Amino acid sequence: MLAQILASLVDGILLGFVYGLAAMGLSLIWGVMRVINLSHGAIMALGMFGTYLLFTHLGLNPYLAILLMAPASLLFGFLVYGVAVHRIINAPYLSSLLATFAVNMMVIGIGTAVFTTSLYNVDFSLGTVRAGVLALPGTRLTAALAALLITAALYLFLYRTRPGKAIRAVANNRAAAELMSIPSAQVLALSFGIGTMLAALAGGLITTFFPFTILSGSGYQSKSFVICVLGGLGNPLGALLGGLILGAMEGLIPIALPVSWVPVVEFTLFVLILLIRPSGLLGART
């Protein structure tokens, strides 16, 4: 029994790294722009299908395919920002919700027309890594390591580079940043592009161990909301912590309860955090 609990916990934590990566994109966009991105799940689905197409049609290693998707998804984020988000950046929250939801529906509509809602998967294996009583899929270990490296790169970018410091300045006080000659419009576009890229990369990593459809992103978007609230909305590193907690819960809950109870427990936690500590475990910041 103890071995089963340990194996489920480790498996869930590995998955939690990828969940955290997905939530970071949502958290970053909120922290900098105060925009709730309802196209987040659809962008994850695009990352899934991008990885699938590069793997099946070009024969690329899925991790190389994910790497190639990074600049493409960054540019897609710039496009979405310029077309749908830029004009409503100072509008009431409902306007940003409607704009990003429209992008979500367009992506899902086009994706459904092209791919239908059939189930797809990336048939790729890295074998099993054994450590004592644990037998862990190589793809999950690799995805967790990739998510950790991307998180480290994001942290270094935000705290050690000039564009990253500009993003943090705009997030803290946009008017003051503009007085210091920081081009806020460009910084906002960069922030949305990075958030989009993180979502697409997380979607690509998920394809290496879970099947998916064009509608799969909505479930991961819901998890991302829970993670952001848990770790602290607008706090990218808090998103990683929230992802690890949620992943651990998903690993442990099925031991005691049917799998169908997992979302019930997750969203009960979501409501409790909102009631008890709405700023999240690490506090809302950027």
C-alpha atoms as a PDB file:
ATOM      1  CA  MET A   1       0.000   0.000   0.000  1.00  0.00           C
ATOM      2  CA  LEU A   2       2.780   2.417   0.897  1.00  0.00           C
ATOM      3  CA  ALA A   3       4.539   1.676  -2.392  1.00  0.00           C
ATOM      4  CA  GLN A   4       1.323   2.414  -4.289  1.00  0.00           C
ATOM      5  CA  ILE A   5       0.855   5.730  -2.487  1.00  0.00           C
ATOM      6  CA  LEU A   6       4.458   6.733  -3.157  1.00  0.00           C
ATOM      7  CA  ALA A   7       4.238   5.776  -6.832  1.00  0.00           C
ATOM      8  CA  SER A   8       0.955   7.679  -7.284  1.00  0.00           C
ATOM      9  CA  LEU A   9       2.343  10.723  -5.479  1.00  0.00           C
ATOM     10  CA  VAL A  10       5.510  10.875  -7.596  1.00  0.00           C
ATOM     11  CA  ASP A  11       3.528  10.298 -10.790  1.00  0.00           C
ATOM     12  CA  GLY A  12       1.156  13.117  -9.859  1.00  0.00           C
ATOM     13  CA  ILE A  13       3.986  15.508  -9.010  1.00  0.00           C
ATOM     14  CA  LEU A  14       5.632  14.862 -12.374  1.00  0.00           C
ATOM     15  CA  LEU A  15       2.334  15.695 -14.045  1.00  0.00           C
ATOM     16  CA  GLY A  16       2.039  18.747 -11.797  1.00  0.00           C
ATOM     17  CA  PHE A  17       5.158  20.306 -13.339  1.00  0.00           C
ATOM     18  CA  VAL A  18       3.403  20.363 -16.717  1.00  0.00           C
ATOM     19  CA  TYR A  19       0.186  21.678 -15.153  1.00  0.00           C
ATOM     20  CA  GLY A  20       2.218  24.430 -13.525  1.00  0.00           C
ATOM     21  CA  LEU A  21       3.810  25.354 -16.839  1.00  0.00           C
ATOM     22  CA  ALA A  22       0.377  25.630 -18.443  1.00  0.00           C
ATOM     23  CA  ALA A  23      -0.904  27.841 -15.615  1.00  0.00           C
ATOM     24  CA  MET A  24       2.148  30.124 -15.803  1.00  0.00           C
ATOM     25  CA  GLY A  25       1.003  31.484 -19.150  1.00  0.00           C
ATOM     26  CA  LEU A  26      -2.431  32.328 -17.761  1.00  0.00           C
ATOM     27  CA  SER A  27      -0.904  33.808 -14.612  1.00  0.00           C
ATOM     28  CA  LEU A  28       1.636  35.940 -16.478  1.00  0.00           C
ATOM     29  CA  ILE A  29      -0.993  37.470 -18.767  1.00  0.00           C
ATOM     30  CA  TRP A  30      -3.220  38.333 -15.805  1.00  0.00           C
ATOM     31  CA  GLY A  31      -0.344  39.695 -13.742  1.00  0.00           C
ATOM     32  CA  VAL A  32       0.882  42.045 -16.468  1.00  0.00           C
ATOM     33  CA  MET A  33      -2.288  42.932 -18.362  1.00  0.00           C
ATOM     34  CA  ARG A  34      -5.197  42.161 -16.008  1.00  0.00           C
ATOM     35  CA  VAL A  35      -6.724  40.077 -18.795  1.00  0.00           C
ATOM     36  CA  ILE A  36      -8.348  36.704 -18.132  1.00  0.00           C
ATOM     37  CA  ASN A  37      -7.402  34.744 -21.235  1.00  0.00           C
ATOM     38  CA  LEU A  38     -10.275  32.420 -22.123  1.00  0.00           C
ATOM     39  CA  SER A  39      -8.429  31.288 -25.261  1.00  0.00           C
ATOM     40  CA  HIS A  40      -5.803  29.612 -23.051  1.00  0.00           C
ATOM     41  CA  GLY A  41      -7.235  26.114 -23.488  1.00  0.00           C
ATOM     42  CA  ALA A  42      -7.620  26.469 -27.244  1.00  0.00           C
ATOM     43  CA  ILE A  43      -3.986  27.564 -27.493  1.00  0.00           C
ATOM     44  CA  MET A  44      -2.964  24.462 -25.539  1.00  0.00           C
ATOM     45  CA  ALA A  45      -4.925  22.397 -28.061  1.00  0.00           C
ATOM     46  CA  LEU A  46      -3.038  24.129 -30.890  1.00  0.00           C
ATOM     47  CA  GLY A  47       0.200  23.128 -29.173  1.00  0.00           C
ATOM     48  CA  MET A  48      -1.032  19.552 -29.017  1.00  0.00           C
ATOM     49  CA  PHE A  49      -1.904  19.396 -32.700  1.00  0.00           C
ATOM     50  CA  GLY A  50       1.248  21.244 -33.718  1.00  0.00           C
ATOM     51  CA  THR A  51       3.332  18.588 -31.981  1.00  0.00           C
ATOM     52  CA  TYR A  52       1.208  15.818 -33.470  1.00  0.00           C
ATOM     53  CA  LEU A  53       1.512  17.107 -37.037  1.00  0.00           C
ATOM     54  CA  LEU A  54       5.278  17.656 -36.842  1.00  0.00           C
ATOM     55  CA  PHE A  55       5.710  14.185 -35.324  1.00  0.00           C
ATOM     56  CA  THR A  56       3.455  12.243 -37.699  1.00  0.00           C
ATOM     57  CA  HIS A  57       3.991  14.101 -40.998  1.00  0.00           C
ATOM     58  CA  LEU A  58       7.611  15.226 -40.702  1.00  0.00           C
ATOM     59  CA  GLY A  59       8.840  12.460 -38.410  1.00  0.00           C
ATOM     60  CA  LEU A  60      10.357  14.893 -35.916  1.00  0.00           C
ATOM     61  CA  ASN A  61      11.092  13.875 -32.354  1.00  0.00           C
ATOM     62  CA  PRO A  62       8.173  15.341 -30.347  1.00  0.00           C
ATOM     63  CA  TYR A  63      10.523  17.285 -28.080  1.00  0.00           C
ATOM     64  CA  LEU A  64      12.193  18.844 -31.093  1.00  0.00           C
ATOM     65  CA  ALA A  65       8.729  19.600 -32.465  1.00  0.00           C
ATOM     66  CA  ILE A  66       7.830  21.344 -29.199  1.00  0.00           C
ATOM     67  CA  LEU A  67      11.022  23.389 -29.417  1.00  0.00           C
ATOM     68  CA  LEU A  68      10.169  24.466 -32.960  1.00  0.00           C
ATOM     69  CA  MET A  69       6.680  25.472 -31.849  1.00  0.00           C
ATOM     70  CA  ALA A  70       8.033  27.995 -29.367  1.00  0.00           C
ATOM     71  CA  PRO A  71       8.701  30.835 -31.863  1.00  0.00           C
ATOM     72  CA  ALA A  72       5.573  29.990 -33.869  1.00  0.00           C
ATOM     73  CA  SER A  73       3.345  30.179 -30.783  1.00  0.00           C
ATOM     74  CA  LEU A  74       5.060  33.405 -29.693  1.00  0.00           C
ATOM     75  CA  LEU A  75       4.185  34.968 -33.046  1.00  0.00           C
ATOM     76  CA  PHE A  76       0.642  33.629 -32.799  1.00  0.00           C
ATOM     77  CA  GLY A  77       0.357  35.333 -29.419  1.00  0.00           C
ATOM     78  CA  PHE A  78       1.467  38.622 -30.986  1.00  0.00           C
ATOM     79  CA  LEU A  79      -1.211  38.164 -33.656  1.00  0.00           C
ATOM     80  CA  VAL A  80      -3.987  37.466 -31.156  1.00  0.00           C
ATOM     81  CA  TYR A  81      -2.904  40.425 -29.042  1.00  0.00           C
ATOM     82  CA  GLY A  82      -2.836  42.792 -32.005  1.00  0.00           C
ATOM     83  CA  VAL A  83      -6.195  41.661 -33.395  1.00  0.00           C
ATOM     84  CA  ALA A  84      -8.310  40.835 -30.354  1.00  0.00           C
ATOM     85  CA  VAL A  85      -6.728  42.147 -27.149  1.00  0.00           C
ATOM     86  CA  HIS A  86      -4.920  45.411 -27.859  1.00  0.00           C
ATOM     87  CA  ARG A  87      -8.050  47.503 -28.329  1.00  0.00           C
ATOM     88  CA  ILE A  88      -9.761  46.326 -25.139  1.00  0.00           C
ATOM     89  CA  ILE A  89      -6.743  46.378 -22.820  1.00  0.00           C
ATOM     90  CA  ASN A  90      -8.186  49.281 -20.774  1.00  0.00           C
ATOM     91  CA  ALA A  91     -11.821  48.248 -21.161  1.00  0.00           C
ATOM     92  CA  PRO A  92     -13.902  46.541 -18.441  1.00  0.00           C
ATOM     93  CA  TYR A  93     -13.050  42.901 -17.694  1.00  0.00           C
ATOM     94  CA  LEU A  94     -16.120  41.694 -19.568  1.00  0.00           C
ATOM     95  CA  SER A  95     -14.683  43.054 -22.826  1.00  0.00           C
ATOM     96  CA  SER A  96     -11.462  41.054 -22.460  1.00  0.00           C
ATOM     97  CA  LEU A  97     -13.440  37.949 -21.498  1.00  0.00           C
ATOM     98  CA  LEU A  98     -15.581  38.246 -24.611  1.00  0.00           C
ATOM     99  CA  ALA A  99     -12.613  38.997 -26.895  1.00  0.00           C
ATOM    100  CA  THR A 100     -10.527  36.042 -25.746  1.00  0.00           C
ATOM    101  CA  PHE A 101     -13.595  33.776 -25.676  1.00  0.00           C
ATOM    102  CA  ALA A 102     -14.206  34.715 -29.324  1.00  0.00           C
ATOM    103  CA  VAL A 103     -10.632  33.654 -30.156  1.00  0.00           C
ATOM    104  CA  ASN A 104     -11.253  30.420 -28.261  1.00  0.00           C
ATOM    105  CA  MET A 105     -14.390  29.654 -30.285  1.00  0.00           C
ATOM    106  CA  MET A 106     -12.690  30.469 -33.597  1.00  0.00           C
ATOM    107  CA  VAL A 107      -9.769  28.143 -32.860  1.00  0.00           C
ATOM    108  CA  ILE A 108     -12.085  25.346 -31.731  1.00  0.00           C
ATOM    109  CA  GLY A 109     -14.402  25.861 -34.712  1.00  0.00           C
ATOM    110  CA  ILE A 110     -11.599  25.751 -37.271  1.00  0.00           C
ATOM    111  CA  GLY A 111      -9.918  22.877 -35.440  1.00  0.00           C
ATOM    112  CA  THR A 112     -13.139  20.865 -35.356  1.00  0.00           C
ATOM    113  CA  ALA A 113     -13.655  21.427 -39.082  1.00  0.00           C
ATOM    114  CA  VAL A 114     -10.118  20.247 -39.862  1.00  0.00           C
ATOM    115  CA  PHE A 115      -9.521  17.504 -37.277  1.00  0.00           C
ATOM    116  CA  THR A 116     -13.104  16.699 -36.116  1.00  0.00           C
ATOM    117  CA  THR A 117     -13.372  15.787 -32.441  1.00  0.00           C
ATOM    118  CA  SER A 118     -11.658  12.420 -32.891  1.00  0.00           C
ATOM    119  CA  LEU A 119      -9.058  11.238 -30.417  1.00  0.00           C
ATOM    120  CA  TYR A 120      -5.389  11.595 -31.427  1.00  0.00           C
ATOM    121  CA  ASN A 121      -2.174  10.530 -29.771  1.00  0.00           C
ATOM    122  CA  VAL A 122       1.574  10.828 -30.250  1.00  0.00           C
ATOM    123  CA  ASP A 123       2.842   7.257 -30.276  1.00  0.00           C
ATOM    124  CA  PHE A 124       6.203   7.872 -28.652  1.00  0.00           C
ATOM    125  CA  SER A 125       7.914   6.140 -25.755  1.00  0.00           C
ATOM    126  CA  LEU A 126      11.076   6.646 -23.735  1.00  0.00           C
ATOM    127  CA  GLY A 127      10.681   3.423 -21.809  1.00  0.00           C
ATOM    128  CA  THR A 128      10.393   3.138 -18.036  1.00  0.00           C
ATOM    129  CA  VAL A 129      12.814   4.448 -15.443  1.00  0.00           C
ATOM    130  CA  ARG A 130      13.035   2.339 -12.299  1.00  0.00           C
ATOM    131  CA  ALA A 131      14.091   3.756  -8.937  1.00  0.00           C
ATOM    132  CA  GLY A 132      13.556   1.257  -6.157  1.00  0.00           C
ATOM    133  CA  VAL A 133       9.865   0.371  -6.043  1.00  0.00           C
ATOM    134  CA  LEU A 134       9.022   3.167  -8.483  1.00  0.00           C
ATOM    135  CA  ALA A 135       8.551   2.563 -12.206  1.00  0.00           C
ATOM    136  CA  LEU A 136       8.104   5.926 -13.933  1.00  0.00           C
ATOM    137  CA  PRO A 137       7.380   6.529 -17.635  1.00  0.00           C
ATOM    138  CA  GLY A 138      10.328   8.211 -19.319  1.00  0.00           C
ATOM    139  CA  THR A 139       8.015  10.630 -21.122  1.00  0.00           C
ATOM    140  CA  ARG A 140       6.656  12.005 -17.839  1.00  0.00           C
ATOM    141  CA  LEU A 141      10.124  12.421 -16.397  1.00  0.00           C
ATOM    142  CA  THR A 142      11.279  14.218 -19.548  1.00  0.00           C
ATOM    143  CA  ALA A 143       8.179  16.446 -19.604  1.00  0.00           C
ATOM    144  CA  ALA A 144       8.693  17.377 -15.938  1.00  0.00           C
ATOM    145  CA  LEU A 145      12.356  18.201 -16.591  1.00  0.00           C
ATOM    146  CA  ALA A 146      11.416  20.265 -19.652  1.00  0.00           C
ATOM    147  CA  ALA A 147       8.773  22.159 -17.645  1.00  0.00           C
ATOM    148  CA  LEU A 148      11.326  22.836 -14.907  1.00  0.00           C
ATOM    149  CA  LEU A 149      13.879  24.137 -17.429  1.00  0.00           C
ATOM    150  CA  ILE A 150      11.289  26.382 -19.084  1.00  0.00           C
ATOM    151  CA  THR A 151      10.296  27.721 -15.663  1.00  0.00           C
ATOM    152  CA  ALA A 152      13.932  28.485 -14.849  1.00  0.00           C
ATOM    153  CA  ALA A 153      14.339  30.224 -18.212  1.00  0.00           C
ATOM    154  CA  LEU A 154      11.211  32.307 -17.551  1.00  0.00           C
ATOM    155  CA  TYR A 155      12.501  33.310 -14.120  1.00  0.00           C
ATOM    156  CA  LEU A 156      15.885  34.334 -15.526  1.00  0.00           C
ATOM    157  CA  PHE A 157      14.174  36.253 -18.314  1.00  0.00           C
ATOM    158  CA  LEU A 158      11.888  38.168 -15.947  1.00  0.00           C
ATOM    159  CA  TYR A 159      14.547  38.989 -13.338  1.00  0.00           C
ATOM    160  CA  ARG A 160      17.835  39.121 -15.255  1.00  0.00           C
ATOM    161  CA  THR A 161      17.067  40.663 -18.656  1.00  0.00           C
ATOM    162  CA  ARG A 162      16.073  44.168 -19.694  1.00  0.00           C
ATOM    163  CA  PRO A 163      12.803  43.105 -21.455  1.00  0.00           C
ATOM    164  CA  GLY A 164      11.902  40.985 -18.421  1.00  0.00           C
ATOM    165  CA  LYS A 165      12.436  43.895 -16.060  1.00  0.00           C
ATOM    166  CA  ALA A 166      10.315  46.035 -18.375  1.00  0.00           C
ATOM    167  CA  ILE A 167       7.509  43.468 -18.110  1.00  0.00           C
ATOM    168  CA  ARG A 168       7.694  43.578 -14.312  1.00  0.00           C
ATOM    169  CA  ALA A 169       7.752  47.391 -14.335  1.00  0.00           C
ATOM    170  CA  VAL A 170       4.645  47.581 -16.537  1.00  0.00           C
ATOM    171  CA  ALA A 171       2.910  45.005 -14.340  1.00  0.00           C
ATOM    172  CA  ASN A 172       3.633  47.026 -11.189  1.00  0.00           C
ATOM    173  CA  ASN A 173       2.753  50.471 -12.564  1.00  0.00           C
ATOM    174  CA  ARG A 174       2.140  50.971 -16.263  1.00  0.00           C
ATOM    175  CA  ALA A 175       1.853  54.762 -16.074  1.00  0.00           C
ATOM    176  CA  ALA A 176       5.131  55.114 -14.177  1.00  0.00           C
ATOM    177  CA  ALA A 177       6.848  52.706 -16.590  1.00  0.00           C
ATOM    178  CA  GLU A 178       5.744  54.830 -19.541  1.00  0.00           C
ATOM    179  CA  LEU A 179       7.174  57.921 -17.838  1.00  0.00           C
ATOM    180  CA  MET A 180      10.498  56.050 -17.710  1.00  0.00           C
ATOM    181  CA  SER A 181      10.333  55.578 -21.516  1.00  0.00           C
ATOM    182  CA  ILE A 182       9.286  51.928 -21.378  1.00  0.00           C
ATOM    183  CA  PRO A 183       7.093  51.196 -24.451  1.00  0.00           C
ATOM    184  CA  SER A 184       4.141  49.637 -22.660  1.00  0.00           C
ATOM    185  CA  ALA A 185       2.309  48.572 -25.846  1.00  0.00           C
ATOM    186  CA  GLN A 186       5.286  46.482 -26.956  1.00  0.00           C
ATOM    187  CA  VAL A 187       5.778  45.075 -23.468  1.00  0.00           C
ATOM    188  CA  LEU A 188       2.120  44.030 -23.269  1.00  0.00           C
ATOM    189  CA  ALA A 189       2.380  42.328 -26.660  1.00  0.00           C
ATOM    190  CA  LEU A 190       5.523  40.498 -25.524  1.00  0.00           C
ATOM    191  CA  SER A 191       3.799  39.399 -22.307  1.00  0.00           C
ATOM    192  CA  PHE A 192       0.805  38.021 -24.175  1.00  0.00           C
ATOM    193  CA  GLY A 193       3.113  36.292 -26.652  1.00  0.00           C
ATOM    194  CA  ILE A 194       5.104  34.630 -23.856  1.00  0.00           C
ATOM    195  CA  GLY A 195       1.910  33.541 -22.095  1.00  0.00           C
ATOM    196  CA  THR A 196       0.657  32.044 -25.353  1.00  0.00           C
ATOM    197  CA  MET A 197       3.964  30.277 -25.909  1.00  0.00           C
ATOM    198  CA  LEU A 198       3.922  28.729 -22.420  1.00  0.00           C
ATOM    199  CA  ALA A 199       0.405  27.382 -23.018  1.00  0.00           C
ATOM    200  CA  ALA A 200       1.382  25.869 -26.373  1.00  0.00           C
ATOM    201  CA  LEU A 201       4.545  24.286 -24.935  1.00  0.00           C
ATOM    202  CA  ALA A 202       2.559  22.725 -22.093  1.00  0.00           C
ATOM    203  CA  GLY A 203       0.061  21.374 -24.606  1.00  0.00           C
ATOM    204  CA  GLY A 204       2.884  19.858 -26.625  1.00  0.00           C
ATOM    205  CA  LEU A 205       4.351  18.144 -23.560  1.00  0.00           C
ATOM    206  CA  ILE A 206       0.963  16.713 -22.603  1.00  0.00           C
ATOM    207  CA  THR A 207       0.683  14.937 -25.979  1.00  0.00           C
ATOM    208  CA  THR A 208       3.685  12.762 -25.134  1.00  0.00           C
ATOM    209  CA  PHE A 209       1.700  10.840 -22.496  1.00  0.00           C
ATOM    210  CA  PHE A 210      -2.049  11.599 -22.903  1.00  0.00           C
ATOM    211  CA  PRO A 211      -4.357  11.275 -25.948  1.00  0.00           C
ATOM    212  CA  PHE A 212      -6.186  14.446 -26.920  1.00  0.00           C
ATOM    213  CA  THR A 213      -8.860  16.071 -29.081  1.00  0.00           C
ATOM    214  CA  ILE A 214      -9.360  19.633 -30.240  1.00  0.00           C
ATOM    215  CA  LEU A 215     -11.617  20.076 -27.174  1.00  0.00           C
ATOM    216  CA  SER A 216      -9.052  18.813 -24.654  1.00  0.00           C
ATOM    217  CA  GLY A 217      -7.733  22.274 -23.866  1.00  0.00           C
ATOM    218  CA  SER A 218     -10.872  23.308 -21.972  1.00  0.00           C
ATOM    219  CA  GLY A 219     -10.209  20.790 -19.193  1.00  0.00           C
ATOM    220  CA  TYR A 220      -6.615  21.946 -18.787  1.00  0.00           C
ATOM    221  CA  GLN A 221      -7.773  25.567 -18.826  1.00  0.00           C
ATOM    222  CA  SER A 222     -10.058  24.837 -15.883  1.00  0.00           C
ATOM    223  CA  LYS A 223      -7.158  23.225 -14.026  1.00  0.00           C
ATOM    224  CA  SER A 224      -5.035  26.285 -14.804  1.00  0.00           C
ATOM    225  CA  PHE A 225      -7.597  28.552 -13.132  1.00  0.00           C
ATOM    226  CA  VAL A 226      -7.533  26.381 -10.015  1.00  0.00           C
ATOM    227  CA  ILE A 227      -3.723  26.394 -10.017  1.00  0.00           C
ATOM    228  CA  CYS A 228      -3.492  30.169 -10.449  1.00  0.00           C
ATOM    229  CA  VAL A 229      -5.851  30.799  -7.548  1.00  0.00           C
ATOM    230  CA  LEU A 230      -4.042  28.216  -5.432  1.00  0.00           C
ATOM    231  CA  GLY A 231      -0.555  29.618  -6.040  1.00  0.00           C
ATOM    232  CA  GLY A 232      -1.491  33.294  -6.344  1.00  0.00           C
ATOM    233  CA  LEU A 233      -3.037  34.875  -9.430  1.00  0.00           C
ATOM    234  CA  GLY A 234      -0.399  36.841 -11.314  1.00  0.00           C
ATOM    235  CA  ASN A 235       2.474  34.935  -9.683  1.00  0.00           C
ATOM    236  CA  PRO A 236       4.196  32.649 -12.256  1.00  0.00           C
ATOM    237  CA  LEU A 237       6.282  30.825  -9.645  1.00  0.00           C
ATOM    238  CA  GLY A 238       3.175  30.384  -7.515  1.00  0.00           C
ATOM    239  CA  ALA A 239       1.620  28.686 -10.549  1.00  0.00           C
ATOM    240  CA  LEU A 240       4.368  26.066 -10.434  1.00  0.00           C
ATOM    241  CA  LEU A 241       3.664  25.407  -6.751  1.00  0.00           C
ATOM    242  CA  GLY A 242      -0.057  25.212  -7.438  1.00  0.00           C
ATOM    243  CA  GLY A 243       0.581  22.795 -10.298  1.00  0.00           C
ATOM    244  CA  LEU A 244       2.613  20.502  -8.065  1.00  0.00           C
ATOM    245  CA  ILE A 245      -0.116  20.510  -5.406  1.00  0.00           C
ATOM    246  CA  LEU A 246      -2.851  19.802  -7.947  1.00  0.00           C
ATOM    247  CA  GLY A 247      -0.780  17.070  -9.585  1.00  0.00           C
ATOM    248  CA  ALA A 248      -0.135  15.422  -6.219  1.00  0.00           C
ATOM    249  CA  MET A 249      -3.847  15.521  -5.487  1.00  0.00           C
ATOM    250  CA  GLU A 250      -4.661  13.902  -8.826  1.00  0.00           C
ATOM    251  CA  GLY A 251      -2.181  11.158  -8.012  1.00  0.00           C
ATOM    252  CA  LEU A 252      -3.481  10.472  -4.488  1.00  0.00           C
ATOM    253  CA  ILE A 253      -7.253  10.985  -4.735  1.00  0.00           C
ATOM    254  CA  PRO A 254      -7.928   7.922  -6.977  1.00  0.00           C
ATOM    255  CA  ILE A 255      -6.383   5.700  -4.292  1.00  0.00           C
ATOM    256  CA  ALA A 256      -9.256   6.467  -1.919  1.00  0.00           C
ATOM    257  CA  LEU A 257     -12.040   7.653  -4.245  1.00  0.00           C
ATOM    258  CA  PRO A 258     -13.261   6.937  -7.788  1.00  0.00           C
ATOM    259  CA  VAL A 259     -11.501   8.950 -10.499  1.00  0.00           C
ATOM    260  CA  SER A 260     -14.741  10.843 -11.166  1.00  0.00           C
ATOM    261  CA  TRP A 261     -14.309  12.542  -7.770  1.00  0.00           C
ATOM    262  CA  VAL A 262     -11.029  14.202  -8.784  1.00  0.00           C
ATOM    263  CA  PRO A 263     -12.591  17.350 -10.347  1.00  0.00           C
ATOM    264  CA  VAL A 264     -15.048  17.576  -7.443  1.00  0.00           C
ATOM    265  CA  VAL A 265     -12.218  17.736  -4.928  1.00  0.00           C
ATOM    266  CA  GLU A 266     -10.194  20.115  -7.126  1.00  0.00           C
ATOM    267  CA  PHE A 267     -12.978  22.664  -7.462  1.00  0.00           C
ATOM    268  CA  THR A 268     -13.930  22.330  -3.806  1.00  0.00           C
ATOM    269  CA  LEU A 269     -10.334  23.339  -3.068  1.00  0.00           C
ATOM    270  CA  PHE A 270     -10.749  26.192  -5.582  1.00  0.00           C
ATOM    271  CA  VAL A 271     -13.760  27.580  -3.668  1.00  0.00           C
ATOM    272  CA  LEU A 272     -12.089  27.127  -0.277  1.00  0.00           C
ATOM    273  CA  ILE A 273      -8.962  29.015  -1.369  1.00  0.00           C
ATOM    274  CA  LEU A 274     -11.121  31.860  -2.717  1.00  0.00           C
ATOM    275  CA  LEU A 275     -12.931  32.059   0.610  1.00  0.00           C
ATOM    276  CA  ILE A 276     -10.002  31.590   2.987  1.00  0.00           C
ATOM    277  CA  ARG A 277      -7.000  33.029   1.158  1.00  0.00           C
ATOM    278  CA  PRO A 278      -8.034  34.723  -2.114  1.00  0.00           C
ATOM    279  CA  SER A 279      -4.478  35.980  -2.724  1.00  0.00           C
ATOM    280  CA  GLY A 280      -3.225  32.372  -2.961  1.00  0.00           C
ATOM    281  CA  LEU A 281      -0.501  30.563  -1.057  1.00  0.00           C
ATOM    282  CA  LEU A 282       2.321  32.817  -2.289  1.00  0.00           C
ATOM    283  CA  GLY A 283       0.273  35.938  -2.801  1.00  0.00           C
ATOM    284  CA  ALA A 284      -0.801  37.612  -6.030  1.00  0.00           C
ATOM    285  CA  ARG A 285       2.087  39.434  -7.666  1.00  0.00           C
ATOM    286  CA  THR A 286       4.374  39.399 -10.748  1.00  0.00           C
END
